Structure formats: structure tokens, C-alpha cells
Protein backbone atom coordinates (compact mmCIF):
# COMPACT_ATOMS: atom_id res chain seq x y z
CA MET A 1 6.33 49.38 59.84
CA ILE A 2 4.93 49.62 56.31
CA ASN A 3 1.98 51.53 57.61
CA ASN A 4 4.32 54.25 59.11
CA LEU A 5 6.15 55.06 55.83
CA PRO A 6 6.69 58.75 55.19
CA PRO A 7 5.08 60.44 52.20
CA ASN A 8 6.78 59.72 48.79
CA MET A 9 8.42 56.58 50.26
CA GLN A 10 8.19 53.80 47.53
CA VAL A 11 8.64 50.19 48.06
CA GLY A 12 9.66 47.96 45.13
CA GLY A 13 11.85 48.35 42.15
CA LEU A 14 12.26 52.16 41.81
CA ASN A 15 14.53 53.24 44.65
CA ARG A 16 17.21 50.87 44.05
CA GLU A 17 20.57 52.56 43.95
CA TYR A 18 22.64 53.48 47.05
CA GLN A 19 21.77 57.18 47.27
CA SER A 20 17.99 56.74 46.98
CA ILE A 21 17.92 53.85 49.33
CA LEU A 22 19.82 55.81 51.95
CA ALA A 23 17.59 58.80 51.38
CA ASP A 24 14.46 56.77 51.97
CA LEU A 25 15.90 55.20 55.14
CA THR A 26 16.85 58.51 56.50
CA ARG A 27 13.48 60.02 55.71
CA MET A 28 11.86 57.25 57.83
CA ILE A 29 13.70 58.16 60.96
CA PRO A 30 11.21 60.84 62.21
CA SER A 31 8.23 58.51 61.81
CA LEU A 32 9.83 55.60 63.56
CA LEU A 33 12.29 57.24 66.09
CA PRO A 34 11.33 60.92 66.65
CA GLU A 35 13.96 61.14 69.40
CA TRP A 36 16.73 60.51 66.76
CA THR A 37 17.60 64.05 65.87
CA TYR A 38 21.31 63.97 65.04
CA LYS A 39 21.83 62.61 61.45
CA GLU A 40 25.45 63.66 60.50
CA GLY A 41 27.87 61.24 58.97
CA ASP A 42 29.69 60.58 62.37
CA ASP A 43 26.55 59.18 63.94
CA PHE A 44 26.85 55.39 64.45
CA GLY A 45 23.11 54.91 63.41
CA ILE A 46 23.79 56.78 60.22
CA VAL A 47 26.76 54.60 59.46
CA LEU A 48 24.66 51.53 59.92
CA LEU A 49 22.10 52.86 57.53
CA GLN A 50 24.96 53.52 54.95
CA GLN A 51 26.12 50.00 55.30
CA LEU A 52 22.54 48.60 54.85
CA SER A 53 22.09 50.87 51.80
CA TYR A 54 25.38 49.60 50.27
CA LEU A 55 24.20 46.01 50.89
CA ALA A 56 20.78 46.54 49.44
CA ASP A 57 22.26 48.29 46.45
CA HIS A 58 24.65 45.30 45.87
CA LEU A 59 21.77 42.84 46.16
CA HIS A 60 19.71 44.79 43.72
CA TYR A 61 22.63 44.80 41.19
CA ARG A 62 22.93 40.99 41.53
CA ALA A 63 19.28 40.48 41.14
CA ASP A 64 19.21 42.68 37.96
CA ALA A 65 22.27 40.89 36.53
CA THR A 66 20.74 37.51 37.15
CA PHE A 67 17.43 38.33 35.48
CA ARG A 68 19.28 40.06 32.63
CA ASP A 69 21.62 37.08 32.13
CA MET A 70 18.57 34.78 31.99
CA ALA A 71 17.45 36.68 28.89
CA PRO A 72 19.73 35.68 25.90
CA THR A 73 18.65 38.73 23.98
CA LYS A 74 20.08 40.96 26.61
CA THR A 75 23.07 39.26 28.28
CA PRO A 76 26.51 40.93 27.57
CA HIS A 77 28.27 37.81 28.58
CA ARG A 78 29.43 35.48 25.80
CA GLU A 79 29.88 32.53 28.12
CA VAL A 80 26.17 32.74 29.40
CA LEU A 81 25.01 32.98 25.74
CA ARG A 82 27.19 30.08 24.82
CA GLN A 83 25.76 27.83 27.42
CA PHE A 84 22.19 28.86 26.29
CA ALA A 85 23.20 27.90 22.78
CA GLU A 86 24.59 24.47 23.91
CA TRP A 87 21.41 23.88 25.85
CA LEU A 88 19.51 24.36 22.52
CA GLY A 89 21.80 21.80 20.84
CA TYR A 90 24.14 24.41 19.07
CA MET A 91 27.80 24.54 19.56
CA ALA A 92 29.34 27.93 19.28
CA GLN A 93 32.20 28.06 16.81
CA ARG A 94 35.70 28.37 18.23
CA ALA A 95 38.59 29.98 16.36
CA THR A 96 39.44 28.13 13.11
CA PRO A 97 42.94 28.00 11.64
CA ALA A 98 43.95 29.32 8.21
CA GLU A 99 44.81 27.05 5.39
CA ALA A 100 47.10 27.42 2.44
CA ILE A 101 48.37 25.60 -0.63
CA VAL A 102 52.25 25.80 -0.76
CA THR A 103 54.67 24.67 -3.35
CA LEU A 104 57.72 22.91 -1.84
CA THR A 105 60.79 22.89 -4.08
CA LEU A 106 64.16 21.15 -3.90
CA ASP A 107 67.24 22.83 -5.24
CA ALA A 108 68.06 19.78 -7.29
CA PRO A 109 66.26 16.43 -7.93
CA LEU A 110 67.03 13.45 -5.71
CA ALA A 111 67.51 9.85 -6.89
CA ASP A 112 65.11 8.46 -4.27
CA ASP A 113 61.66 9.67 -3.22
CA LEU A 114 61.74 12.45 -0.51
CA LEU A 115 59.29 11.82 2.18
CA ILE A 116 58.28 15.10 3.98
CA PRO A 117 56.86 14.23 7.41
CA ARG A 118 53.56 15.26 8.90
CA PHE A 119 53.78 18.27 11.01
CA THR A 120 56.76 19.75 9.06
CA ARG A 121 56.74 23.48 9.99
CA PHE A 122 56.93 26.62 7.84
CA SER A 123 56.43 30.31 8.71
CA GLY A 124 55.57 33.61 7.11
CA ALA A 125 54.64 37.26 7.94
CA GLY A 126 50.94 37.57 8.76
CA PRO A 127 48.57 40.31 10.03
CA GLU A 128 49.60 39.67 13.68
CA GLY A 129 53.32 38.91 13.25
CA THR A 130 55.01 35.68 12.24
CA ALA A 131 52.48 32.99 11.53
CA PHE A 132 53.46 29.28 11.57
CA PHE A 133 52.04 26.48 9.45
CA GLU A 134 52.36 22.74 9.37
CA THR A 135 51.66 19.83 6.98
CA THR A 136 48.81 17.70 8.25
CA THR A 137 49.76 14.62 6.27
CA GLU A 138 53.05 13.14 4.75
CA VAL A 139 54.07 14.69 1.48
CA LEU A 140 56.08 12.88 -1.17
CA ILE A 141 58.49 14.39 -3.84
CA PRO A 142 59.04 11.48 -6.30
CA GLY A 143 62.67 10.74 -7.07
CA GLY A 144 63.77 12.82 -10.11
CA ASP A 145 61.18 15.59 -9.40
CA THR A 146 62.01 18.84 -7.65
CA SER A 147 58.54 20.19 -6.47
CA VAL A 148 55.16 19.25 -5.06
CA SER A 149 52.08 21.09 -3.86
CA ALA A 150 50.79 20.43 -0.27
CA THR A 151 48.21 21.82 2.07
CA VAL A 152 49.39 23.48 5.34
CA VAL A 153 47.34 24.67 8.29
CA GLU A 154 48.18 27.39 10.66
CA GLY A 155 49.01 26.59 14.30
CA GLN A 156 51.19 24.11 16.12
CA ALA A 157 50.35 20.34 16.78
CA LYS A 158 50.69 19.11 20.29
CA ILE A 159 51.46 15.49 19.86
CA ASP A 160 50.34 12.57 22.24
CA VAL A 161 49.84 14.84 25.22
CA LEU A 162 49.12 13.06 28.47
CA LEU A 163 45.68 14.32 29.88
CA GLY A 164 45.55 11.97 32.79
CA LEU A 165 44.88 8.55 34.28
CA THR A 166 41.46 6.97 34.37
CA SER A 167 39.68 6.25 37.56
CA GLY A 168 37.25 3.56 36.33
CA ARG A 169 34.16 5.68 37.06
CA ALA A 170 31.30 6.56 34.68
CA PHE A 171 31.44 9.72 32.71
CA GLU A 172 35.05 10.60 33.14
CA ARG A 173 36.26 13.99 31.97
CA PHE A 174 39.73 15.08 30.79
CA VAL A 175 40.61 18.62 30.04
CA ILE A 176 42.99 19.79 27.18
CA PRO A 177 45.35 22.09 28.99
CA GLN A 178 45.53 24.78 26.36
CA LYS A 179 42.57 27.10 25.82
CA SER A 180 43.61 27.78 22.19
CA ALA A 181 43.17 24.12 21.20
CA ILE A 182 41.18 23.86 17.85
CA TYR A 183 37.92 22.04 17.79
CA ASN A 184 34.82 22.77 15.60
CA ARG A 185 33.15 19.36 15.76
CA GLY A 186 35.28 17.77 13.06
CA ASP A 187 36.06 14.09 13.30
CA ASP A 188 39.75 14.57 12.49
CA GLU A 189 40.59 17.56 14.70
CA LEU A 190 41.47 15.46 17.78
CA GLU A 191 43.24 12.03 17.98
CA VAL A 192 42.50 10.45 21.33
CA THR A 193 43.79 7.18 22.65
CA VAL A 194 42.93 5.37 25.95
CA GLY A 195 45.55 2.90 27.08
CA GLY A 196 46.92 2.96 23.52
CA GLU A 197 43.44 2.18 21.88
CA GLN A 198 42.13 4.74 19.40
CA ALA A 199 38.89 6.36 20.63
CA THR A 200 36.17 7.53 18.23
CA HIS A 201 34.73 11.05 18.15
CA TYR A 202 30.89 11.56 18.47
CA LEU A 203 28.93 14.74 18.49
CA TYR A 204 26.53 13.53 21.11
CA PRO A 205 26.74 10.68 23.75
CA ALA A 206 23.33 9.26 22.55
CA LEU A 207 25.01 8.20 19.35
CA ILE A 208 27.57 5.89 21.16
CA GLN A 209 26.88 2.20 21.54
CA ASN A 210 27.47 0.78 25.05
CA GLN A 211 30.69 -1.02 24.25
CA ASP A 212 32.15 1.60 21.89
CA LEU A 213 35.29 3.52 22.98
CA GLY A 214 33.82 6.77 22.16
CA TYR A 215 34.09 10.39 23.46
CA TRP A 216 32.29 13.67 22.99
CA VAL A 217 33.71 17.15 23.44
CA ARG A 218 32.28 20.20 25.28
CA GLN A 219 33.78 23.55 26.36
CA ASN A 220 33.89 24.30 30.07
CA PRO A 221 33.01 27.76 31.56
CA ASP A 222 36.71 28.50 31.58
CA GLY A 223 37.02 28.09 27.77
CA PHE A 224 38.94 24.75 27.94
CA LEU A 225 37.92 21.68 25.96
CA GLU A 226 36.71 18.66 27.93
CA LEU A 227 36.83 15.11 26.56
CA ARG A 228 33.89 13.14 28.13
CA PHE A 229 33.51 9.38 28.11
CA GLY A 230 30.59 7.05 28.64
CA ASP A 231 28.74 5.35 31.56
CA GLY A 232 28.27 1.76 30.07
CA THR A 233 25.06 2.74 28.40
CA PHE A 234 26.32 5.67 26.24
CA GLY A 235 29.85 4.46 25.48
CA ARG A 236 31.89 2.05 27.63
CA ILE A 237 33.23 2.90 31.19
CA LEU A 238 36.97 3.41 30.98
CA PRO A 239 39.07 0.81 32.92
CA PRO A 240 40.94 2.26 35.84
CA ASN A 241 44.52 3.52 35.93
CA VAL A 242 45.22 3.81 32.12
CA GLU A 243 46.54 6.77 30.25
CA VAL A 244 44.37 9.10 28.17
CA ARG A 245 46.41 10.87 25.49
CA CYS A 246 45.51 13.49 22.80
CA THR A 247 47.03 14.91 19.71
CA TYR A 248 45.57 18.31 18.97
CA ARG A 249 46.37 21.65 17.37
CA ILE A 250 46.55 25.08 18.96
CA GLY A 251 46.23 28.29 17.01
CA GLY A 252 43.28 29.71 15.00
CA GLY A 253 42.07 33.17 14.25
CA ILE A 254 43.17 35.67 11.60
CA ALA A 255 46.90 35.35 12.38
CA GLY A 256 47.35 32.89 9.57
CA ASN A 257 45.53 34.82 6.89
CA VAL A 258 48.83 35.69 5.12
CA GLN A 259 49.11 37.12 1.72
CA ALA A 260 50.33 35.18 -1.43
CA GLY A 261 54.08 34.68 -1.30
CA ALA A 262 54.34 35.36 2.54
CA ILE A 263 55.13 31.80 3.52
CA LYS A 264 58.87 31.69 2.78
CA GLU A 265 60.77 29.86 5.58
CA VAL A 266 61.08 26.09 6.13
CA VAL A 267 61.36 25.91 9.88
CA SER A 268 61.74 22.12 10.26
CA THR A 269 64.80 20.15 9.05
CA VAL A 270 63.91 17.66 6.21
CA PHE A 271 66.10 14.62 5.63
CA ASP A 272 66.55 12.38 2.60
CA SER A 273 66.41 8.54 2.68
CA SER A 274 69.96 8.46 3.85
CA GLY A 275 69.50 10.60 6.69
CA SER A 276 71.18 13.79 5.14
CA PRO A 277 69.36 17.17 5.42
CA VAL A 278 68.08 18.52 2.16
CA THR A 279 67.65 22.15 1.03
CA LEU A 280 63.96 22.76 0.57
CA SER A 281 62.21 26.12 -0.34
CA VAL A 282 58.61 27.11 0.14
CA THR A 283 56.14 29.60 -1.20
CA ASN A 284 52.32 29.94 -1.27
CA PRO A 285 51.02 31.12 -4.65
CA GLU A 286 47.75 32.25 -3.23
CA ALA A 287 46.71 33.88 0.01
CA ALA A 288 45.99 31.72 2.99
CA ALA A 289 42.26 31.82 4.08
CA ARG A 290 39.59 30.59 6.38
CA GLY A 291 41.37 31.81 9.69
CA PHE A 292 38.50 33.09 11.85
CA VAL A 293 37.99 34.15 15.30
CA GLU A 294 35.44 32.63 17.66
CA GLU A 295 31.77 33.14 16.97
CA SER A 296 30.59 36.57 18.18
CA ILE A 297 27.77 37.24 20.57
CA ASP A 298 25.60 38.73 17.81
CA SER A 299 26.08 35.65 15.61
CA LEU A 300 25.21 33.42 18.62
CA ARG A 301 21.99 35.36 19.25
CA GLU A 302 20.94 34.82 15.67
CA THR A 303 22.22 31.37 14.77
CA ALA A 304 21.42 29.32 17.86
CA PRO A 305 17.61 29.87 17.87
CA ALA A 306 17.51 29.38 14.08
CA TYR A 307 19.39 26.05 14.55
CA PHE A 308 16.99 24.99 17.29
CA ARG A 309 13.99 25.77 15.17
CA THR A 310 15.17 23.16 12.59
CA GLN A 311 14.70 20.46 15.18
CA ASN A 312 17.75 18.74 13.56
CA ARG A 313 16.05 18.12 10.28
CA ALA A 314 16.13 19.76 6.91
CA VAL A 315 12.71 20.28 5.32
CA THR A 316 12.26 23.86 4.42
CA GLN A 317 14.77 26.40 2.94
CA ALA A 318 14.99 27.95 6.37
CA ASP A 319 15.95 24.71 7.89
CA TYR A 320 18.76 24.18 5.36
CA HIS A 321 19.94 27.72 5.84
CA ALA A 322 20.21 27.48 9.62
CA LEU A 323 21.91 24.09 9.54
CA VAL A 324 24.51 25.25 6.95
CA LEU A 325 25.34 28.48 8.84
CA ALA A 326 26.08 26.29 11.98
CA ILE A 327 28.94 24.45 10.16
CA PRO A 328 32.32 25.79 10.91
CA GLY A 329 33.97 27.59 7.96
CA VAL A 330 30.67 28.90 6.60
CA TYR A 331 30.11 32.67 6.75
CA ARG A 332 27.05 33.12 4.62
CA ALA A 333 24.75 30.74 2.74
CA SER A 334 21.94 30.74 0.23
CA ILE A 335 19.62 27.89 -0.41
CA VAL A 336 18.13 27.66 -3.98
CA PRO A 337 15.59 24.92 -4.88
CA GLN A 338 16.31 23.20 -8.18
CA GLY A 339 13.60 21.29 -9.94
CA VAL A 340 11.48 18.78 -7.84
CA ASN A 341 13.94 17.74 -5.14
CA GLY A 342 17.27 19.47 -5.91
CA VAL A 343 18.78 21.63 -3.16
CA GLN A 344 21.61 23.99 -4.26
CA VAL A 345 23.66 25.35 -1.35
CA PHE A 346 25.75 28.38 -2.27
CA VAL A 347 28.35 29.25 0.44
CA VAL A 348 30.39 32.25 1.38
CA PRO A 349 33.46 30.92 3.26
CA THR A 350 34.93 32.63 6.28
CA ASN A 351 37.33 35.39 5.47
CA VAL A 352 35.83 35.94 2.01
CA SER A 353 37.80 39.35 1.84
CA THR A 354 40.95 37.21 0.86
CA GLY A 355 39.07 35.85 -2.13
CA ALA A 356 38.76 32.37 -0.58
CA THR A 357 36.71 29.80 -2.28
CA VAL A 358 34.93 26.89 -0.66
CA SER A 359 37.32 23.97 -0.36
CA ASP A 360 36.45 20.41 -1.35
CA ALA A 361 36.85 19.50 2.30
CA LEU A 362 34.21 22.08 3.38
CA LYS A 363 31.90 20.96 0.55
CA ALA A 364 32.22 17.35 1.69
CA ARG A 365 31.48 18.34 5.35
CA ILE A 366 28.28 20.26 4.40
CA VAL A 367 27.01 17.27 2.55
CA ARG A 368 28.03 14.93 5.41
CA GLU A 369 26.23 16.98 8.08
CA LEU A 370 23.17 17.62 6.06
CA ASP A 371 22.75 13.99 4.85
CA PRO A 372 21.09 12.48 7.94
CA LYS A 373 18.90 15.47 8.36
CA ARG A 374 17.47 15.87 4.73
CA MET A 375 14.39 14.30 3.36
CA ALA A 376 15.09 11.09 1.60
CA THR A 377 14.42 12.42 -1.82
CA ASP A 378 16.41 15.61 -1.59
CA VAL A 379 19.55 15.83 -3.70
CA ILE A 380 22.11 18.26 -2.32
CA SER A 381 24.75 20.15 -4.28
CA VAL A 382 27.24 22.60 -2.65
CA PHE A 383 28.83 25.46 -4.67
CA SER A 384 31.12 28.38 -3.94
CA CYS A 385 29.46 31.76 -4.16
CA SER A 386 30.12 34.14 -6.99
CA LEU A 387 32.06 37.15 -5.76
CA VAL A 388 30.90 40.53 -7.39
CA LYS A 389 33.16 43.51 -7.20
CA THR A 390 31.44 46.79 -6.45
CA ASP A 391 32.32 50.23 -7.66
CA VAL A 392 31.37 53.76 -6.39
CA ARG A 393 32.61 57.21 -7.59
CA LEU A 394 31.28 60.34 -5.75
CA PHE A 395 31.73 64.06 -6.08
CA VAL A 396 31.32 65.56 -2.67
CA ARG A 397 30.94 69.15 -1.63
CA ALA A 398 32.19 69.69 1.90
CA HIS A 399 31.33 72.37 4.38
CA ARG A 400 33.73 75.18 4.06
CA ASN A 401 35.20 74.69 7.54
CA ALA A 402 35.70 70.91 7.06
CA ARG A 403 38.92 69.42 5.97
CA ASN A 404 38.65 67.69 2.56
CA GLY A 405 41.04 65.00 3.42
CA ALA A 406 39.31 64.10 6.73
CA VAL A 407 35.96 63.99 4.96
CA ARG A 408 37.24 61.88 2.16
CA GLU A 409 38.74 59.31 4.59
CA ALA A 410 35.50 59.24 6.64
CA ILE A 411 33.52 58.59 3.52
CA ARG A 412 35.90 55.93 2.51
CA GLN A 413 35.51 54.20 5.95
CA ARG A 414 31.82 54.20 5.50
CA PHE A 415 32.34 51.97 2.40
CA ILE A 416 35.27 49.69 3.31
CA GLY A 417 35.71 50.05 7.12
CA ASP A 418 34.26 47.57 9.60
CA ASP A 419 30.51 47.34 9.04
CA GLY A 420 30.94 49.54 5.98
CA ILE A 421 28.53 49.64 3.04
CA PHE A 422 30.74 47.19 1.11
CA TYR A 423 32.14 45.27 4.03
CA GLU A 424 31.43 41.50 4.28
CA SER A 425 29.87 41.50 7.79
CA ARG A 426 26.95 43.73 6.46
CA ASN A 427 26.15 41.87 3.45
CA ASP A 428 24.61 38.65 2.41
CA LEU A 429 24.08 36.49 -0.59
CA GLY A 430 21.57 37.93 -3.09
CA LYS A 431 21.01 41.06 -0.91
CA PRO A 432 20.73 44.23 -2.94
CA LEU A 433 22.72 47.30 -2.11
CA TYR A 434 20.19 50.10 -2.51
CA LEU A 435 21.31 53.55 -3.93
CA SER A 436 19.03 55.54 -1.54
CA ASP A 437 20.49 53.87 1.66
CA MET A 438 24.02 54.64 0.48
CA ILE A 439 23.21 58.33 -0.26
CA GLY A 440 21.53 58.70 3.19
CA GLU A 441 24.49 57.21 4.94
CA ILE A 442 27.15 59.31 3.12
CA GLU A 443 25.05 62.56 3.67
CA ALA A 444 25.20 61.79 7.33
CA VAL A 445 29.08 61.83 7.44
CA PRO A 446 30.24 64.97 9.40
CA GLY A 447 31.45 67.66 7.06
CA VAL A 448 29.49 66.51 4.01
CA ASN A 449 27.23 69.26 2.52
CA ASN A 450 25.87 67.42 -0.53
CA LEU A 451 27.02 64.94 -3.12
CA ASP A 452 26.67 63.69 -6.71
CA VAL A 453 26.82 59.93 -7.43
CA LEU A 454 28.75 59.35 -10.61
CA VAL A 455 28.99 55.58 -10.38
CA TYR A 456 27.22 53.15 -8.07
CA THR A 457 27.20 49.65 -9.68
CA ARG A 458 28.43 46.17 -9.92
CA ARG A 459 31.56 45.55 -11.93
CA PRO A 460 30.93 43.43 -15.04
CA LYS A 461 31.92 39.80 -14.53
CA LEU A 462 32.21 36.98 -17.05
CA VAL A 463 31.28 33.47 -15.88
CA TRP A 464 31.67 30.57 -18.31
CA ASN A 465 29.03 28.06 -17.95
CA SER A 466 30.59 25.73 -20.53
CA ALA A 467 34.15 26.32 -21.79
CA SER A 468 37.07 24.43 -23.10
CA GLY A 469 39.34 27.60 -22.66
CA ASN A 470 39.80 30.40 -20.31
CA ALA A 471 39.30 33.72 -22.16
CA VAL A 472 38.75 36.64 -19.75
CA LEU A 473 37.47 40.17 -19.68
CA SER A 474 40.45 42.42 -20.39
CA THR A 475 41.71 44.62 -17.51
CA VAL A 476 43.97 46.71 -19.87
CA ASN A 477 40.75 47.90 -21.55
CA PRO A 478 38.19 47.27 -18.67
CA PRO A 479 34.54 46.96 -19.66
CA THR A 480 32.26 50.12 -19.54
CA VAL A 481 28.53 50.46 -19.39
CA GLY A 482 26.61 53.26 -21.11
CA PRO A 483 25.05 55.95 -18.93
CA VAL A 484 21.45 55.00 -19.60
CA ALA A 485 22.00 51.24 -19.97
CA PRO A 486 19.75 49.00 -17.88
CA ASP A 487 20.71 45.88 -15.84
CA ASP A 488 21.31 43.25 -18.39
CA VAL A 489 22.72 39.75 -18.92
CA TRP A 490 24.84 39.29 -22.03
CA THR A 491 25.38 35.71 -23.37
CA ILE A 492 28.67 35.12 -25.13
CA THR A 493 28.68 32.15 -27.44
CA MET A 494 31.97 31.09 -29.25
CA LEU A 495 31.64 30.35 -32.98
CA ASN A 496 35.31 29.05 -33.08
CA ALA A 497 38.52 29.64 -31.19
CA THR A 498 38.53 33.40 -31.75
CA GLN A 499 35.10 34.64 -32.78
CA PHE A 500 31.82 34.96 -30.78
CA THR A 501 28.30 36.28 -30.87
CA VAL A 502 26.61 38.38 -28.15
CA THR A 503 22.94 38.42 -27.16
CA GLY A 504 21.47 40.54 -24.40
CA LEU A 505 18.53 39.66 -22.20
CA TYR A 506 17.24 43.13 -22.97
CA GLY A 507 19.68 44.29 -25.48
CA GLY A 508 18.71 41.37 -27.83
CA PHE A 509 20.92 39.70 -30.43
CA GLN A 510 23.81 41.67 -31.65
CA GLU A 511 24.51 41.44 -35.40
CA THR A 512 28.27 42.28 -35.01
CA ILE A 513 30.57 39.20 -34.73
CA GLY A 514 33.18 39.69 -31.95
CA GLU A 515 36.85 38.85 -32.10
CA LEU A 516 39.16 37.99 -29.15
CA GLY A 517 41.47 40.94 -28.36
CA THR A 518 39.33 43.50 -30.18
CA ALA A 519 37.00 46.02 -28.47
CA TYR A 520 33.30 45.00 -28.83
CA LEU A 521 30.52 47.77 -28.64
CA THR A 522 27.02 46.61 -28.47
CA GLN A 523 24.23 48.30 -30.50
CA GLY A 524 23.24 51.65 -28.97
CA GLY A 525 26.56 51.82 -27.13
CA SER A 526 25.14 50.33 -23.98
CA PHE A 527 28.11 47.96 -23.22
CA LYS A 528 31.76 48.04 -24.46
CA PHE A 529 34.33 45.28 -23.52
CA THR A 530 37.26 43.32 -24.80
CA LEU A 531 37.46 39.56 -24.51
CA ALA A 532 41.13 38.53 -24.20
CA ALA A 533 42.61 35.10 -24.89
CA GLY A 534 43.72 33.05 -22.02
CA ASP A 535 46.27 30.35 -21.68
CA THR A 536 43.89 27.68 -23.10
CA PRO A 537 42.06 28.29 -26.45
CA MET A 538 38.35 28.52 -26.63
CA ALA A 539 36.30 26.20 -28.87
CA GLU A 540 33.05 26.34 -30.84
CA GLY A 541 30.02 26.02 -28.55
CA ASP A 542 31.66 27.46 -25.40
CA TRP A 543 29.35 29.94 -23.76
CA GLY A 544 29.13 32.21 -20.80
CA VAL A 545 27.36 35.32 -19.38
CA ILE A 546 28.39 38.80 -18.38
CA ARG A 547 26.07 40.56 -15.87
CA THR A 548 26.13 44.36 -15.97
CA GLY A 549 24.33 46.88 -13.88
CA LYS A 550 23.12 50.40 -14.31
CA VAL A 551 25.97 52.98 -13.95
CA VAL A 552 24.03 54.60 -11.08
CA GLY A 553 21.30 52.47 -9.47
CA ASN A 554 20.66 49.74 -7.01
CA ILE A 555 23.30 46.93 -7.09
CA ILE A 556 21.16 43.87 -7.80
CA LEU A 557 22.64 40.46 -7.00
CA GLU A 558 21.63 36.97 -7.81
CA PRO A 559 21.10 34.45 -4.90
CA ASN A 560 24.54 33.00 -5.53
CA GLU A 561 26.36 36.36 -5.56
CA PHE A 562 28.14 38.16 -2.78
CA PRO A 563 29.49 41.76 -2.98
CA VAL A 564 33.27 42.41 -2.34
CA PHE A 565 35.49 45.33 -2.94
CA ASP A 566 39.13 45.87 -4.09
CA ALA A 567 41.65 48.71 -4.20
CA ARG A 568 39.87 50.57 -7.04
CA SER A 569 36.38 50.09 -5.82
CA VAL A 570 36.03 53.46 -4.12
CA VAL A 571 36.85 56.75 -5.71
CA ILE A 572 35.88 60.03 -3.88
CA ASP A 573 36.50 63.57 -4.95
CA VAL A 574 35.91 66.11 -2.12
CA GLN A 575 35.94 69.95 -2.77
CA GLY A 576 34.62 72.92 -1.02
CA GLY A 577 36.38 72.53 2.33
CA LEU A 578 39.86 73.18 3.65
CA GLY A 579 43.00 71.65 2.11
CA GLY A 580 43.31 69.09 -0.66
């Protein structure tokens, strides 16, 4: 039959969709069956060819999809990519819950201690409606006191849920019935009992001794968590007909990233030692943070291969970087060698836009997970990143038919919208923000004719390296940098509680003695600032640095610095178009 193909008939991968397949089959009719002359749609033979073409089209589609999904760089399906990542030893991060520090206050002191139970519930208005929080441990207000601080976590605890009865077979599996159950490989995220005996969490079955009551956790293709038990070699076989129970939390995502003061309601009733209800109020002095959605496809494509390349050991900076990024709660990381064997790990936590810092618990987890993988002589230290606020001021001339307001908003979104120039997803620790890149991107905004850059810089920031007090840069008289000043680092050294000296890396030693509360101008007028007294007085020998950038130039960042923005970061004046 192949030898009788008509001209232009191609076999293989080109004529693959329905119409071209049907056209090829129809063109074959005169060569194979010359007596078949009627080829309209009501002909039974044509109907059969249409059915065959449809079937061939569907088979081609399935073949294409299969080969596409076998390539992690191309598949659009997160579950396929997640399973590839798991095969490489990397567990995709699930949604994580927000955390907040709250202040719990009684309306009057009690004679006895007040025990606030674990899982006491609170609520507040969040970005996706009302968000609920719970204490994860018992909290005590001592008798005679009226307030205490406590950590609360977004979500709801499901306590001692029955997952099923054991069968006595090897490698038993039990599914947590709610897809939003929180698990990111932490030892304290799930509490599992088998027949009343506490089971121990392990990351991998190979780590479990044959008689240990241990379990490991995997996500099934439907998105539910599975608890898996051993076979007598990797963990003990469970005895038959006993209950498997689990305490877990549901929630996670950005729902709990509430603003400061948003947590206002005590949902649970709290009782004193005599069993009487007490009046308790709650507030969160700072915004809740670290609520994060599940890991994206793009992140999986980048992180899983990097994690695999480490081969579960930390030798090079790239190894450390990949391993740290794989830890839940870490958004960005920078690895800086220190001395012969020191390793400094600077971390940007998830939801850095809320101003979150790295918690002690996250620091401890990073050290704990790196410890078995590091070289024996490496000494690991974990630090929060330094957040650097960015500023831009533009004068934009719009096309005469463009609306000034629409152009202004479009430019603003190019800076602070999703994937904008200043937006967190686009930036990294120590990565410069180049002036030329910014200009090219803004000039491409529809309606922009041309622009003048008046300011493109990092906002001056004071960091005390050694200090007894907490003097700050004044926001009433904010610091200003001269129009031709270079990038510089200014060292502030306290002579006593109120006076200080100033030395610039490029500006050199300044002869003028500074005074707290008084504006200070460096020689040549390159930098003007006011150092304001804080709540705690400074002392002789305290010192810190202020980094400044050019008024218009590339925004240069240190390896521990990450760019952020606030309400006054972007100022845009648009003229030449329609309207204001």
C-alpha cells in the first residue's frame, strides 16, 4: 500500500491533525479504489474515514502529551513535575501557614495562674476574609499579671483523627482525609499514634531501624498526604486490627498574612482555675508572616535539579544554596564563605513583603538539616537578610493621545505589580537593579514617549554592628544624597551618648562632630542626615554603617541585602497626554 501513495502524501509526524489526516486518506482513494467516485459526507465510506481520522488525531495527541510530559522542562502539569522532583529526592513544598506573635491581656489580674490551653482559637481580618489562628502550646499568665506574649499559627487543628485500622501487612498506607493538611517535612507537624503508641517521623524509610515504630510521608497523585509504615526491615510491620490516629493542621497559604492589629477576637472560651470563664483580649503588634502557597511549577523546575546535583551533601556554595532553598519557609538565600571554614547563610523568608524576619525556629531548622550534609569542619551561621528599600522618581512625557492617569498606573505596576522591577519574585540577594534595564522596560510601556530619571537609588539605611542603644535615622528629616555623590559606606562611631564621628569609605574622615537630633552634612555636601535618639541611650564605642547609593544609577546590593519597596518608593509625574 505504501508504494501506491499519491503525490504529496507524507507518512510520519507532519500530517497529524484531523483535517490533514482525512485529506490524505481521501486523496488515496483514486489510487486504491478507482471505482469509488462518490465522496460526499453522506457516503458510508467517507464516514468511516472520518472516524479513523478522528481516532488517529486523538492517538497523535496522546502520544504528543506523553512525550511532552516525559520532559520536565516542558510539562504544564504540576503533578507530573512533582513526581519527577520526588524521584530526584526533592519534596515539593506544600502550602505553609502564617505565624504571628500576639499579646493576650486579662481585664484584671487573677490570684491564681491562668493556663491558656493548646489550640485556643483567635481570628482576624485577612487578605482572603476572616483568618483563624491557634496556639500550638499551652500559655501561662502568672497570678497577679495581666498579659503574656504567645505564638499563634494560622489554620485549624484536627485532633486525634482516626485514619483506619491496620491489616498487619508490610508497607501499610493511611491517607489524611483533608487535602489542605499542612506538611513540609517538619518533625512536629504531625502527631501519629498506632494503638496508642507514639510513632516517629522520618524523612526516608531507609533511616528507620527494623523495630522502630516509624513512618514517612508522601503526597499521592490526588494531593492527599499518605502516612507509610515499614516492612520489618525499614521500620516494624504494624500489628493487625489496631487504630492509626493523627493530629494535624489544615490551612496554609496567604490567608493568614494579616496586618498588625488585625487579630482581635478570642474565639475559644478560656476558663480560670475554678472553672469560670475569663475575659481575655488579643492583638498582634506586628503583621503575621510566612504564609505561603504551594511551590510553583517554575520553582520546581529550578529547585529540584539543583537539589539533586548536591547529592545530599554540602561541599560547594552551590550545594549549600540548593539545600537551603529546599527548606520550607526559605524564599531566597545567599551563601557567603567566612574565613577558612565558616559558612554564613543569609535568608529571605517567605512573604518578605510583610517585612518578615527569619524566626529562631527556621534558623534552627536550617542548621539541623544542613548539619548531616556539611563537611565536618564547616561552621554554619544563619542570619536574616538585610531589607533595603528602593526609590524611583520619574518625569514621563506621554503620547498626546494617551491618558496620563492610565500611563502613570501602568508604569507603577511595572515597578510594584506581580513580577515588577521592585517585586520580590523578580529579585535576589545581592543582585543589582540596573538603571538601563529599568529605562528600557519603562520606555516600552504603551503611551510612553520618553522619560527623565530623577531618582533611582537605594534608600540610606543605618545598621548598628555594635550598639548599646537604638538611635535611628530620622524620618522627620529623611536623609538625602548629593546629586553627584558616589556609592559610599559611612561609618558612625559614638564618642559618648550623644556625639559621634563620621568616616566615609570614599568620602574619608569628616572633621565635624555630629550630635544626636541635629542635621549633619558631610564635606562637599554629598550626604545629609539626622541621627535621632531612640528609647535606649547610646554609649561610647558604639558603631554602625550607613550605605548610600548614587541618586541616579545602578542599585548595588551586598550579598546579604534584598530589595523591597513601600508606599513612598515610586513617584511618577506624567505629562503631555490627556487628563491629569
